[in-house]
Amino acid sequence: MVGKLEKIIEEIHEKSCSGKRDFYIDPNTGFLVFTSYFLKERGYCCESSCRHCPYGYVKKE
């Protein structure tokens, strides 16, 4: 089940991507978060487990 905060973040991310923005500010932490739009335009995966990684990278434990 998706919580209220997750839904808000999803909406902010979708709006940021459709506006071709590189990042948004996380409403919970105030941190800058790169959008999948930016990460894809950059053209490679940095293997940092970005929240919206369009390459599907998952850090191995």
PDB file of N, CA and C in Angstrom:
ATOM      1  N   MET A   1       0.845  -1.187   0.000  1.00  0.00           N
ATOM      2  CA  MET A   1       0.000   0.000   0.000  1.00  0.00           C
ATOM      3  C   MET A   1       0.890   1.250   0.000  1.00  0.00           C
ATOM      4  N   VAL A   2       0.541   2.171  -0.842  1.00  0.00           N
ATOM      5  CA  VAL A   2       1.303   3.414  -0.957  1.00  0.00           C
ATOM      6  C   VAL A   2       0.764   4.415   0.055  1.00  0.00           C
ATOM      7  N   GLY A   3       1.688   4.954   0.870  1.00  0.00           N
ATOM      8  CA  GLY A   3       1.296   5.925   1.879  1.00  0.00           C
ATOM      9  C   GLY A   3       1.082   7.309   1.282  1.00  0.00           C
ATOM     10  N   LYS A   4       0.575   8.204   2.104  1.00  0.00           N
ATOM     11  CA  LYS A   4       0.274   9.561   1.669  1.00  0.00           C
ATOM     12  C   LYS A   4       1.526  10.294   1.178  1.00  0.00           C
ATOM     13  N   LEU A   5       2.621  10.193   1.916  1.00  0.00           N
ATOM     14  CA  LEU A   5       3.862  10.872   1.532  1.00  0.00           C
ATOM     15  C   LEU A   5       4.391  10.324   0.206  1.00  0.00           C
ATOM     16  N   GLU A   6       4.358   8.992   0.046  1.00  0.00           N
ATOM     17  CA  GLU A   6       4.827   8.387  -1.194  1.00  0.00           C
ATOM     18  C   GLU A   6       4.009   8.866  -2.387  1.00  0.00           C
ATOM     19  N   LYS A   7       2.715   9.012  -2.192  1.00  0.00           N
ATOM     20  CA  LYS A   7       1.838   9.483  -3.263  1.00  0.00           C
ATOM     21  C   LYS A   7       2.172  10.940  -3.626  1.00  0.00           C
ATOM     22  N   ILE A   8       2.431  11.759  -2.633  1.00  0.00           N
ATOM     23  CA  ILE A   8       2.803  13.158  -2.865  1.00  0.00           C
ATOM     24  C   ILE A   8       4.115  13.225  -3.642  1.00  0.00           C
ATOM     25  N   ILE A   9       5.094  12.415  -3.226  1.00  0.00           N
ATOM     26  CA  ILE A   9       6.391  12.392  -3.910  1.00  0.00           C
ATOM     27  C   ILE A   9       6.220  11.937  -5.350  1.00  0.00           C
ATOM     28  N   GLU A  10       5.403  10.909  -5.566  1.00  0.00           N
ATOM     29  CA  GLU A  10       5.133  10.412  -6.915  1.00  0.00           C
ATOM     30  C   GLU A  10       4.544  11.513  -7.796  1.00  0.00           C
ATOM     31  N   GLU A  11       3.609  12.278  -7.253  1.00  0.00           N
ATOM     32  CA  GLU A  11       2.980  13.373  -8.005  1.00  0.00           C
ATOM     33  C   GLU A  11       3.984  14.488  -8.310  1.00  0.00           C
ATOM     34  N   ILE A  12       4.810  14.832  -7.334  1.00  0.00           N
ATOM     35  CA  ILE A  12       5.827  15.868  -7.543  1.00  0.00           C
ATOM     36  C   ILE A  12       6.810  15.416  -8.615  1.00  0.00           C
ATOM     37  N   HIS A  13       7.228  14.154  -8.542  1.00  0.00           N
ATOM     38  CA  HIS A  13       8.179  13.620  -9.518  1.00  0.00           C
ATOM     39  C   HIS A  13       7.585  13.633 -10.925  1.00  0.00           C
ATOM     40  N   GLU A  14       6.352  13.179 -11.055  1.00  0.00           N
ATOM     41  CA  GLU A  14       5.696  13.151 -12.363  1.00  0.00           C
ATOM     42  C   GLU A  14       5.580  14.557 -12.950  1.00  0.00           C
ATOM     43  N   LYS A  15       5.192  15.513 -12.125  1.00  0.00           N
ATOM     44  CA  LYS A  15       5.063  16.902 -12.589  1.00  0.00           C
ATOM     45  C   LYS A  15       6.424  17.469 -12.985  1.00  0.00           C
ATOM     46  N   SER A  16       7.453  17.156 -12.210  1.00  0.00           N
ATOM     47  CA  SER A  16       8.806  17.635 -12.507  1.00  0.00           C
ATOM     48  C   SER A  16       9.314  17.050 -13.825  1.00  0.00           C
ATOM     49  N   CYS A  17       9.081  15.769 -14.042  1.00  0.00           N
ATOM     50  CA  CYS A  17       9.515  15.132 -15.295  1.00  0.00           C
ATOM     51  C   CYS A  17       8.778  15.702 -16.496  1.00  0.00           C
ATOM     52  N   SER A  18       7.476  15.892 -16.366  1.00  0.00           N
ATOM     53  CA  SER A  18       6.714  16.427 -17.495  1.00  0.00           C
ATOM     54  C   SER A  18       7.131  17.863 -17.802  1.00  0.00           C
ATOM     55  N   GLY A  19       7.649  18.567 -16.800  1.00  0.00           N
ATOM     56  CA  GLY A  19       8.173  19.917 -16.996  1.00  0.00           C
ATOM     57  C   GLY A  19       9.648  19.929 -17.371  1.00  0.00           C
ATOM     58  N   LYS A  20      10.199  18.745 -17.608  1.00  0.00           N
ATOM     59  CA  LYS A  20      11.608  18.572 -17.983  1.00  0.00           C
ATOM     60  C   LYS A  20      12.558  19.204 -16.975  1.00  0.00           C
ATOM     61  N   ARG A  21      12.231  19.023 -15.703  1.00  0.00           N
ATOM     62  CA  ARG A  21      13.081  19.538 -14.630  1.00  0.00           C
ATOM     63  C   ARG A  21      14.087  18.476 -14.211  1.00  0.00           C
ATOM     64  N   ASP A  22      15.251  18.912 -13.819  1.00  0.00           N
ATOM     65  CA  ASP A  22      16.320  17.998 -13.426  1.00  0.00           C
ATOM     66  C   ASP A  22      16.147  17.446 -12.011  1.00  0.00           C
ATOM     67  N   PHE A  23      15.472  18.176 -11.167  1.00  0.00           N
ATOM     68  CA  PHE A  23      15.339  17.754  -9.774  1.00  0.00           C
ATOM     69  C   PHE A  23      14.106  18.377  -9.143  1.00  0.00           C
ATOM     70  N   TYR A  24      13.783  17.899  -7.951  1.00  0.00           N
ATOM     71  CA  TYR A  24      12.756  18.508  -7.108  1.00  0.00           C
ATOM     72  C   TYR A  24      13.251  18.428  -5.672  1.00  0.00           C
ATOM     73  N   ILE A  25      12.623  19.144  -4.788  1.00  0.00           N
ATOM     74  CA  ILE A  25      12.988  19.126  -3.380  1.00  0.00           C
ATOM     75  C   ILE A  25      12.044  18.176  -2.644  1.00  0.00           C
ATOM     76  N   ASP A  26      12.624  17.199  -1.964  1.00  0.00           N
ATOM     77  CA  ASP A  26      11.817  16.238  -1.220  1.00  0.00           C
ATOM     78  C   ASP A  26      11.048  16.985  -0.131  1.00  0.00           C
ATOM     79  N   PRO A  27       9.719  16.851  -0.101  1.00  0.00           N
ATOM     80  CA  PRO A  27       8.920  17.597   0.879  1.00  0.00           C
ATOM     81  C   PRO A  27       9.127  17.137   2.319  1.00  0.00           C
ATOM     82  N   ASN A  28       9.665  15.940   2.503  1.00  0.00           N
ATOM     83  CA  ASN A  28       9.872  15.416   3.842  1.00  0.00           C
ATOM     84  C   ASN A  28      11.234  15.805   4.411  1.00  0.00           C
ATOM     85  N   THR A  29      12.272  15.748   3.580  1.00  0.00           N
ATOM     86  CA  THR A  29      13.635  15.963   4.070  1.00  0.00           C
ATOM     87  C   THR A  29      14.236  17.306   3.661  1.00  0.00           C
ATOM     88  N   GLY A  30      13.716  17.882   2.575  1.00  0.00           N
ATOM     89  CA  GLY A  30      14.291  19.108   2.044  1.00  0.00           C
ATOM     90  C   GLY A  30      15.484  18.851   1.132  1.00  0.00           C
ATOM     91  N   PHE A  31      15.811  17.574   0.908  1.00  0.00           N
ATOM     92  CA  PHE A  31      16.938  17.215   0.044  1.00  0.00           C
ATOM     93  C   PHE A  31      16.558  17.367  -1.419  1.00  0.00           C
ATOM     94  N   LEU A  32      17.566  17.627  -2.246  1.00  0.00           N
ATOM     95  CA  LEU A  32      17.392  17.679  -3.683  1.00  0.00           C
ATOM     96  C   LEU A  32      17.366  16.237  -4.197  1.00  0.00           C
ATOM     97  N   VAL A  33      16.400  15.920  -5.077  1.00  0.00           N
ATOM     98  CA  VAL A  33      16.270  14.578  -5.641  1.00  0.00           C
ATOM     99  C   VAL A  33      16.262  14.697  -7.155  1.00  0.00           C
ATOM    100  N   PHE A  34      17.177  13.994  -7.827  1.00  0.00           N
ATOM    101  CA  PHE A  34      17.198  14.009  -9.284  1.00  0.00           C
ATOM    102  C   PHE A  34      15.979  13.278  -9.834  1.00  0.00           C
ATOM    103  N   THR A  35      15.439  13.804 -10.924  1.00  0.00           N
ATOM    104  CA  THR A  35      14.312  13.154 -11.582  1.00  0.00           C
ATOM    105  C   THR A  35      14.815  12.087 -12.542  1.00  0.00           C
ATOM    106  N   SER A  36      13.935  11.147 -12.888  1.00  0.00           N
ATOM    107  CA  SER A  36      14.306  10.140 -13.875  1.00  0.00           C
ATOM    108  C   SER A  36      14.553  10.800 -15.225  1.00  0.00           C
ATOM    109  N   TYR A  37      13.882  11.921 -15.482  1.00  0.00           N
ATOM    110  CA  TYR A  37      14.125  12.677 -16.716  1.00  0.00           C
ATOM    111  C   TYR A  37      15.600  13.079 -16.798  1.00  0.00           C
ATOM    112  N   PHE A  38      16.098  13.687 -15.749  1.00  0.00           N
ATOM    113  CA  PHE A  38      17.504  14.116 -15.720  1.00  0.00           C
ATOM    114  C   PHE A  38      18.458  12.936 -15.839  1.00  0.00           C
ATOM    115  N   LEU A  39      18.197  11.890 -15.049  1.00  0.00           N
ATOM    116  CA  LEU A  39      19.096  10.743 -15.029  1.00  0.00           C
ATOM    117  C   LEU A  39      19.162  10.068 -16.402  1.00  0.00           C
ATOM    118  N   LYS A  40      18.038   9.993 -17.090  1.00  0.00           N
ATOM    119  CA  LYS A  40      18.029   9.389 -18.423  1.00  0.00           C
ATOM    120  C   LYS A  40      18.741  10.295 -19.424  1.00  0.00           C
ATOM    121  N   GLU A  41      18.506  11.588 -19.345  1.00  0.00           N
ATOM    122  CA  GLU A  41      19.163  12.540 -20.251  1.00  0.00           C
ATOM    123  C   GLU A  41      20.675  12.537 -20.050  1.00  0.00           C
ATOM    124  N   ARG A  42      21.118  12.287 -18.824  1.00  0.00           N
ATOM    125  CA  ARG A  42      22.551  12.233 -18.536  1.00  0.00           C
ATOM    126  C   ARG A  42      23.198  11.088 -19.311  1.00  0.00           C
ATOM    127  N   GLY A  43      22.467   9.992 -19.481  1.00  0.00           N
ATOM    128  CA  GLY A  43      22.909   8.935 -20.376  1.00  0.00           C
ATOM    129  C   GLY A  43      23.652   7.756 -19.773  1.00  0.00           C
ATOM    130  N   TYR A  44      23.808   7.727 -18.466  1.00  0.00           N
ATOM    131  CA  TYR A  44      24.472   6.585 -17.842  1.00  0.00           C
ATOM    132  C   TYR A  44      24.030   6.453 -16.389  1.00  0.00           C
ATOM    133  N   CYS A  45      24.233   5.263 -15.845  1.00  0.00           N
ATOM    134  CA  CYS A  45      23.892   5.006 -14.448  1.00  0.00           C
ATOM    135  C   CYS A  45      25.129   5.230 -13.585  1.00  0.00           C
ATOM    136  N   CYS A  46      24.981   5.956 -12.496  1.00  0.00           N
ATOM    137  CA  CYS A  46      26.102   6.237 -11.598  1.00  0.00           C
ATOM    138  C   CYS A  46      26.228   5.194 -10.483  1.00  0.00           C
ATOM    139  N   GLU A  47      25.298   4.252 -10.441  1.00  0.00           N
ATOM    140  CA  GLU A  47      25.281   3.172  -9.444  1.00  0.00           C
ATOM    141  C   GLU A  47      25.255   3.694  -8.008  1.00  0.00           C
ATOM    142  N   SER A  48      24.465   4.743  -7.785  1.00  0.00           N
ATOM    143  CA  SER A  48      24.328   5.319  -6.445  1.00  0.00           C
ATOM    144  C   SER A  48      22.955   5.046  -5.839  1.00  0.00           C
ATOM    145  N   SER A  49      22.190   4.177  -6.464  1.00  0.00           N
ATOM    146  CA  SER A  49      20.838   3.834  -5.991  1.00  0.00           C
ATOM    147  C   SER A  49      19.919   5.051  -5.928  1.00  0.00           C
ATOM    148  N   CYS A  50      19.938   5.843  -6.980  1.00  0.00           N
ATOM    149  CA  CYS A  50      19.072   7.021  -7.041  1.00  0.00           C
ATOM    150  C   CYS A  50      17.607   6.612  -6.914  1.00  0.00           C
ATOM    151  N   ARG A  51      16.826   7.413  -6.257  1.00  0.00           N
ATOM    152  CA  ARG A  51      15.422   7.115  -6.000  1.00  0.00           C
ATOM    153  C   ARG A  51      14.650   6.826  -7.283  1.00  0.00           C
ATOM    154  N   HIS A  52      14.910   7.572  -8.335  1.00  0.00           N
ATOM    155  CA  HIS A  52      14.151   7.428  -9.579  1.00  0.00           C
ATOM    156  C   HIS A  52      15.013   6.908 -10.724  1.00  0.00           C
ATOM    157  N   CYS A  53      15.942   6.008 -10.421  1.00  0.00           N
ATOM    158  CA  CYS A  53      16.868   5.481 -11.428  1.00  0.00           C
ATOM    159  C   CYS A  53      16.107   4.849 -12.598  1.00  0.00           C
ATOM    160  N   PRO A  54      16.289   5.387 -13.820  1.00  0.00           N
ATOM    161  CA  PRO A  54      15.600   4.807 -14.977  1.00  0.00           C
ATOM    162  C   PRO A  54      16.312   3.559 -15.507  1.00  0.00           C
ATOM    163  N   TYR A  55      17.455   3.224 -14.938  1.00  0.00           N
ATOM    164  CA  TYR A  55      18.242   2.081 -15.395  1.00  0.00           C
ATOM    165  C   TYR A  55      18.005   0.830 -14.549  1.00  0.00           C
ATOM    166  N   GLY A  56      17.223   0.961 -13.492  1.00  0.00           N
ATOM    167  CA  GLY A  56      16.886  -0.185 -12.657  1.00  0.00           C
ATOM    168  C   GLY A  56      17.995  -0.672 -11.739  1.00  0.00           C
ATOM    169  N   TYR A  57      18.978   0.188 -11.468  1.00  0.00           N
ATOM    170  CA  TYR A  57      20.080  -0.218 -10.602  1.00  0.00           C
ATOM    171  C   TYR A  57      19.590  -0.417  -9.174  1.00  0.00           C
ATOM    172  N   VAL A  58      19.975  -1.547  -8.589  1.00  0.00           N
ATOM    173  CA  VAL A  58      19.690  -1.834  -7.187  1.00  0.00           C
ATOM    174  C   VAL A  58      21.012  -2.216  -6.536  1.00  0.00           C
ATOM    175  N   LYS A  59      21.381  -1.483  -5.505  1.00  0.00           N
ATOM    176  CA  LYS A  59      22.646  -1.731  -4.821  1.00  0.00           C
ATOM    177  C   LYS A  59      22.643  -3.102  -4.152  1.00  0.00           C
ATOM    178  N   LYS A  60      23.725  -3.839  -4.349  1.00  0.00           N
ATOM    179  CA  LYS A  60      23.850  -5.158  -3.731  1.00  0.00           C
ATOM    180  C   LYS A  60      24.325  -4.989  -2.303  1.00  0.00           C
ATOM    181  N   GLU A  61      23.699  -5.705  -1.403  1.00  0.00           N
ATOM    182  CA  GLU A  61      24.022  -5.631   0.020  1.00  0.00           C
ATOM    183  C   GLU A  61      25.317  -6.337   0.326  1.00  0.00           C
TER     184      GLU A  61
END
